[in-house]
């Protein structure tokens, strides 16, 4: 099922007038549809992975850092593993391992906690000043955006308000997806941030997301006292897999294991978790790898 026509996905950031707050939104409808199509997600799984993708985009792009940010949820629930990453140019991808139960009809925001369950959230930034950084926090609710907000506060010490969601029609067709992130200066407590939280309830966010399909109007509608966007960037699905990367991964197996594959006439098939592309590795390619080793 395809989403209705919408503007291209994107990111917009601005300052909030007379405060120290920075605010940003993303629209991720096309990316979410790619996730649904490539991984055959039902509505609950799509909601969980879409919220993770939107949050990943918001955290990385608002930070202004060069490189990539990857967020991963490993849990004991039916969804088991959720992964999303994005680079500083707005190219992102993701995957989900596991199956979610069907959505239970409910008013307002649909919860995904039962499908996620107990687990941990990990963040990997590359490059960081020391090469890469990795941090992990426990999930506190199983609601993806709430847990990532908790991560911002606990691991990065940045007061934050995060809301991410997706809108589906009555037939389960994706209509809109996106998110909002508002942050204050590190190690501070802001009444202005809490005022935004009080105003932007999950229900209000869903109504506004349903009405706005482009980042700048969405930001203005959610945060009326924000400045004109100070930064904007398109966001698009992009998988970085390639035959060269696959062969590079096989090279790490070592000479003995590669030789075993050759001796047994095994030609491994490597599947990309992100885009589902299949790579059939030939014996000739295995021989070339042993020459490198």
Protein backbone atom coordinates (compact mmCIF):
# COMPACT_ATOMS: atom_id res chain seq x y z
CA UNK A 1 0.00 0.00 0.00
CA UNK A 2 1.40 3.37 -1.05
CA UNK A 3 1.18 6.69 0.71
CA UNK A 4 -0.67 9.57 -0.87
CA UNK A 5 1.20 12.24 -2.84
CA UNK A 6 3.30 14.39 -0.53
CA UNK A 7 6.21 16.78 -0.63
CA UNK A 8 9.73 15.37 -0.55
CA UNK A 9 11.14 14.41 2.84
CA UNK A 10 13.27 17.00 4.58
CA UNK A 11 14.70 18.66 7.67
CA UNK A 12 14.25 22.23 8.96
CA UNK A 13 15.72 23.87 12.05
CA UNK A 14 15.17 27.24 13.71
CA UNK A 15 15.66 29.19 16.93
CA UNK A 16 12.71 29.82 19.24
CA UNK A 17 12.24 33.53 19.87
CA UNK A 18 13.27 34.93 23.27
CA UNK A 19 14.55 31.53 24.46
CA UNK A 20 17.73 29.46 24.22
CA UNK A 21 15.81 26.68 22.50
CA UNK A 22 16.64 25.11 19.16
CA UNK A 23 13.78 23.40 17.32
CA UNK A 24 13.81 21.07 14.35
CA UNK A 25 11.37 18.94 12.40
CA UNK A 26 11.70 16.20 9.83
CA UNK A 27 9.24 14.78 7.37
CA UNK A 28 10.02 11.14 6.58
CA UNK A 29 6.99 9.91 4.66
CA UNK A 30 8.89 8.63 1.61
CA UNK A 31 11.59 7.03 3.77
CA UNK A 32 8.93 5.32 5.89
CA UNK A 33 7.23 4.00 2.76
CA UNK A 34 10.58 2.55 1.61
CA UNK A 35 10.92 0.83 4.98
CA UNK A 36 7.41 -0.59 4.71
CA UNK A 37 7.93 -1.85 1.16
CA UNK A 38 11.41 -3.30 1.59
CA UNK A 39 10.71 -5.05 4.89
CA UNK A 40 6.99 -5.85 4.48
CA UNK A 41 6.11 -4.12 7.73
CA UNK A 42 2.68 -4.11 9.28
CA UNK A 43 1.39 -0.92 10.84
CA UNK A 44 2.87 -1.45 14.33
CA UNK A 45 6.32 -2.35 12.99
CA UNK A 46 6.14 0.57 10.56
CA UNK A 47 5.28 2.96 13.40
CA UNK A 48 8.18 1.75 15.54
CA UNK A 49 10.77 1.89 12.75
CA UNK A 50 9.44 5.19 11.39
CA UNK A 51 9.69 6.80 14.85
CA UNK A 52 13.25 5.51 15.15
CA UNK A 53 14.17 6.81 11.68
CA UNK A 54 12.68 10.26 12.34
CA UNK A 55 14.42 10.51 15.70
CA UNK A 56 17.77 9.45 14.19
CA UNK A 57 17.46 12.14 11.52
CA UNK A 58 16.52 14.81 14.06
CA UNK A 59 19.34 14.06 16.49
CA UNK A 60 22.04 13.95 13.85
CA UNK A 61 20.98 16.82 11.63
CA UNK A 62 20.23 19.21 14.48
CA UNK A 63 23.68 18.48 15.95
CA UNK A 64 25.34 19.67 12.73
CA UNK A 65 27.99 16.96 13.01
CA UNK A 66 29.78 15.51 9.99
CA UNK A 67 29.55 11.74 9.52
CA UNK A 68 26.86 9.26 10.48
CA UNK A 69 24.61 8.48 13.42
CA UNK A 70 23.20 5.00 13.94
CA UNK A 71 20.50 4.19 16.50
CA UNK A 72 19.70 0.59 17.33
CA UNK A 73 17.09 -0.96 19.61
CA UNK A 74 17.67 -4.53 20.79
CA UNK A 75 14.71 -5.85 22.75
CA UNK A 76 12.96 -8.90 24.12
CA UNK A 77 9.68 -8.03 22.38
CA UNK A 78 8.36 -9.38 19.07
CA UNK A 79 10.21 -6.72 17.05
CA UNK A 80 13.59 -7.83 18.51
CA UNK A 81 15.82 -5.39 16.59
CA UNK A 82 15.29 -1.96 15.00
CA UNK A 83 18.08 -0.05 13.30
CA UNK A 84 18.29 3.32 11.52
CA UNK A 85 21.17 5.47 10.39
CA UNK A 86 21.72 8.73 8.55
CA UNK A 87 24.67 10.76 7.30
CA UNK A 88 25.13 14.53 7.42
CA UNK A 89 23.81 14.85 3.86
CA UNK A 90 20.41 13.40 4.80
CA UNK A 91 20.86 9.93 3.30
CA UNK A 92 19.25 7.34 5.52
CA UNK A 93 18.27 3.70 5.76
CA UNK A 94 16.94 1.22 8.30
CA UNK A 95 15.66 -2.27 8.98
CA UNK A 96 13.56 -4.28 11.39
CA UNK A 97 14.08 -7.88 12.46
CA UNK A 98 11.02 -9.53 13.95
CA UNK A 99 7.27 -9.35 13.49
CA UNK A 100 4.85 -7.13 15.36
CA UNK A 101 1.29 -8.08 16.33
CA UNK A 102 -1.55 -6.36 14.43
CA UNK A 103 -2.48 -2.87 15.50
CA UNK A 104 -5.16 -2.66 18.19
CA UNK A 105 -7.69 0.08 17.35
CA UNK A 106 -7.27 2.97 19.77
CA UNK A 107 -7.95 6.68 19.87
CA UNK A 108 -5.04 9.06 19.41
CA UNK A 109 -1.45 7.90 19.39
CA UNK A 110 -0.85 4.18 18.79
CA UNK A 111 1.50 2.58 21.30
CA UNK A 112 4.30 0.22 20.26
CA UNK A 113 5.64 -0.68 23.73
CA UNK A 114 4.18 -4.20 23.70
CA UNK A 115 5.88 -4.94 20.38
CA UNK A 116 9.20 -3.50 21.54
CA UNK A 117 9.37 -4.78 25.12
CA UNK A 118 12.35 -4.51 27.44
CA UNK A 119 15.75 -3.83 25.95
CA UNK A 120 18.42 -1.26 25.23
CA UNK A 121 19.04 1.65 22.89
CA UNK A 122 22.51 2.07 21.40
CA UNK A 123 23.92 5.08 19.57
CA UNK A 124 27.01 5.00 17.36
CA UNK A 125 28.49 8.19 15.92
CA UNK A 126 31.21 8.09 13.28
CA UNK A 127 33.44 9.91 13.05
CA UNK A 128 33.69 11.43 16.50
CA UNK A 129 36.68 13.38 17.85
CA UNK A 130 38.26 10.09 18.94
CA UNK A 131 37.22 8.15 15.81
CA UNK A 132 33.79 6.94 16.89
CA UNK A 133 31.60 7.08 19.97
CA UNK A 134 29.24 4.43 21.30
CA UNK A 135 26.75 4.74 24.14
CA UNK A 136 23.88 2.61 25.43
CA UNK A 137 20.90 3.23 27.70
CA UNK A 138 18.12 0.93 28.84
CA UNK A 139 14.66 1.33 27.36
CA UNK A 140 12.37 2.86 29.96
CA UNK A 141 8.97 2.69 28.22
CA UNK A 142 9.32 0.80 24.92
CA UNK A 143 7.90 3.86 23.17
CA UNK A 144 10.74 4.66 20.77
CA UNK A 145 10.72 8.46 20.85
CA UNK A 146 10.29 8.60 24.62
CA UNK A 147 13.28 6.31 25.07
CA UNK A 148 15.41 8.39 22.70
CA UNK A 149 14.43 11.56 24.58
CA UNK A 150 15.57 9.78 27.76
CA UNK A 151 18.86 8.95 26.01
CA UNK A 152 19.38 12.63 25.14
CA UNK A 153 18.85 13.66 28.73
CA UNK A 154 20.84 10.86 30.39
CA UNK A 155 23.66 10.07 27.99
CA UNK A 156 24.20 13.39 26.24
CA UNK A 157 23.01 15.65 29.09
CA UNK A 158 20.89 17.74 26.73
CA UNK A 159 17.40 18.78 27.92
CA UNK A 160 15.16 17.61 25.08
CA UNK A 161 11.58 17.17 23.96
CA UNK A 162 11.02 14.63 21.18
CA UNK A 163 7.88 13.52 19.38
CA UNK A 164 7.89 11.25 16.32
CA UNK A 165 4.94 9.57 14.66
CA UNK A 166 3.27 8.44 11.47
CA UNK A 167 -0.31 8.85 10.24
CA UNK A 168 -2.22 6.06 8.50
CA UNK A 169 -5.66 6.15 6.94
CA UNK A 170 -8.46 3.74 7.86
CA UNK A 171 -7.19 1.22 5.31
CA UNK A 172 -3.72 1.21 6.84
CA UNK A 173 -2.13 3.28 4.06
CA UNK A 174 0.66 5.59 5.17
CA UNK A 175 -0.26 9.26 4.86
CA UNK A 176 2.44 11.20 6.72
CA UNK A 177 5.50 10.56 8.90
CA UNK A 178 7.78 12.94 10.76
CA UNK A 179 9.06 14.25 14.05
CA UNK A 180 9.80 17.26 16.24
CA UNK A 181 12.88 17.82 18.43
CA UNK A 182 13.32 20.81 20.75
CA UNK A 183 16.54 21.15 22.77
CA UNK A 184 17.95 23.54 25.33
CA UNK A 185 21.56 24.19 26.32
CA UNK A 186 23.25 21.23 28.07
CA UNK A 187 22.91 20.85 31.84
CA UNK A 188 20.08 23.35 32.21
CA UNK A 189 16.39 23.22 33.06
CA UNK A 190 14.13 25.42 30.98
CA UNK A 191 10.58 26.48 31.65
CA UNK A 192 10.39 27.34 27.94
CA UNK A 193 11.10 23.71 27.02
CA UNK A 194 8.38 22.46 29.35
CA UNK A 195 5.97 25.02 27.89
CA UNK A 196 6.58 23.52 24.44
CA UNK A 197 5.96 20.05 25.85
CA UNK A 198 2.66 21.17 27.40
CA UNK A 199 1.53 22.74 24.11
CA UNK A 200 2.68 20.02 21.70
CA UNK A 201 0.79 17.00 22.96
CA UNK A 202 0.95 13.76 20.96
CA UNK A 203 -2.60 14.37 19.74
CA UNK A 204 -1.80 17.94 18.67
CA UNK A 205 1.34 16.72 16.90
CA UNK A 206 -0.64 14.11 14.95
CA UNK A 207 -3.24 16.67 13.86
CA UNK A 208 -0.53 19.06 12.69
CA UNK A 209 1.48 16.35 10.95
CA UNK A 210 -1.64 15.26 9.09
CA UNK A 211 -2.12 18.79 7.79
CA UNK A 212 1.51 19.61 6.84
CA UNK A 213 3.58 17.66 4.35
CA UNK A 214 6.68 19.91 4.19
CA UNK A 215 9.24 20.68 6.93
CA UNK A 216 9.11 24.49 7.09
CA UNK A 217 5.29 24.75 7.40
CA UNK A 218 5.31 21.90 9.92
CA UNK A 219 7.90 23.69 12.06
CA UNK A 220 5.99 26.97 11.95
CA UNK A 221 2.70 25.27 12.82
CA UNK A 222 4.19 23.37 15.77
CA UNK A 223 6.39 26.20 17.09
CA UNK A 224 4.68 29.48 16.08
CA UNK A 225 7.30 31.62 17.81
CA UNK A 226 10.20 30.04 15.93
CA UNK A 227 12.37 32.06 13.56
CA UNK A 228 12.51 31.45 9.83
CA UNK A 229 14.40 28.19 9.22
CA UNK A 230 18.11 28.62 9.79
CA UNK A 231 18.94 25.29 8.15
CA UNK A 232 17.09 23.07 5.70
CA UNK A 233 18.15 19.80 4.09
CA UNK A 234 16.44 17.16 1.94
CA UNK A 235 16.21 13.63 3.36
CA UNK A 236 16.11 10.53 1.18
CA UNK A 237 16.41 6.77 1.41
CA UNK A 238 19.87 5.60 0.39
CA UNK A 239 21.59 2.26 0.97
CA UNK A 240 25.38 2.26 1.01
CA UNK A 241 25.83 -1.43 0.26
CA UNK A 242 27.96 -2.51 -2.70
CA UNK A 243 29.82 -5.55 -3.98
CA UNK A 244 33.08 -3.93 -2.84
CA UNK A 245 31.75 -3.61 0.73
CA UNK A 246 30.59 -7.24 0.69
CA UNK A 247 34.00 -8.46 -0.44
CA UNK A 248 35.64 -6.24 2.16
CA UNK A 249 33.51 -7.89 4.86
CA UNK A 250 34.47 -11.37 3.64
CA UNK A 251 38.12 -10.35 3.72
CA UNK A 252 37.88 -10.07 7.51
CA UNK A 253 37.07 -13.79 7.82
CA UNK A 254 40.71 -14.77 7.38
CA UNK A 255 42.64 -17.04 5.07
CA UNK A 256 41.58 -20.37 6.57
CA UNK A 257 37.82 -19.75 6.39
CA UNK A 258 38.05 -18.37 2.86
CA UNK A 259 40.04 -21.42 1.77
CA UNK A 260 37.42 -23.70 3.35
CA UNK A 261 34.75 -22.02 1.18
CA UNK A 262 36.86 -22.53 -1.93
CA UNK A 263 37.64 -26.19 -1.11
CA UNK A 264 33.97 -26.97 -0.48
CA UNK A 265 32.96 -25.13 -3.68
CA UNK A 266 30.81 -22.84 -1.57
CA UNK A 267 29.77 -19.60 -3.25
CA UNK A 268 28.16 -17.60 -0.42
CA UNK A 269 25.16 -15.36 -0.91
CA UNK A 270 25.27 -12.19 1.18
CA UNK A 271 22.03 -10.30 1.75
CA UNK A 272 21.90 -6.62 2.69
CA UNK A 273 19.76 -6.13 5.80
CA UNK A 274 18.83 -2.62 4.68
CA UNK A 275 17.77 -2.92 1.03
CA UNK A 276 17.42 -6.72 0.72
CA UNK A 277 19.79 -6.84 -2.26
CA UNK A 278 21.43 -10.23 -2.82
CA UNK A 279 25.14 -10.57 -3.59
CA UNK A 280 26.32 -13.93 -4.96
CA UNK A 281 30.06 -14.24 -4.40
CA UNK A 282 31.90 -16.35 -6.97
CA UNK A 283 34.79 -18.75 -6.44
CA UNK A 284 36.96 -16.45 -8.52
CA UNK A 285 36.22 -13.60 -6.12
CA UNK A 286 37.04 -15.83 -3.14
CA UNK A 287 40.36 -16.73 -4.78
CA UNK A 288 41.13 -13.06 -5.27
CA UNK A 289 40.48 -12.45 -1.56
CA UNK A 290 42.91 -15.20 -0.55
CA UNK A 291 45.53 -13.54 -2.71
CA UNK A 292 44.97 -10.29 -0.80
CA UNK A 293 45.24 -12.12 2.53
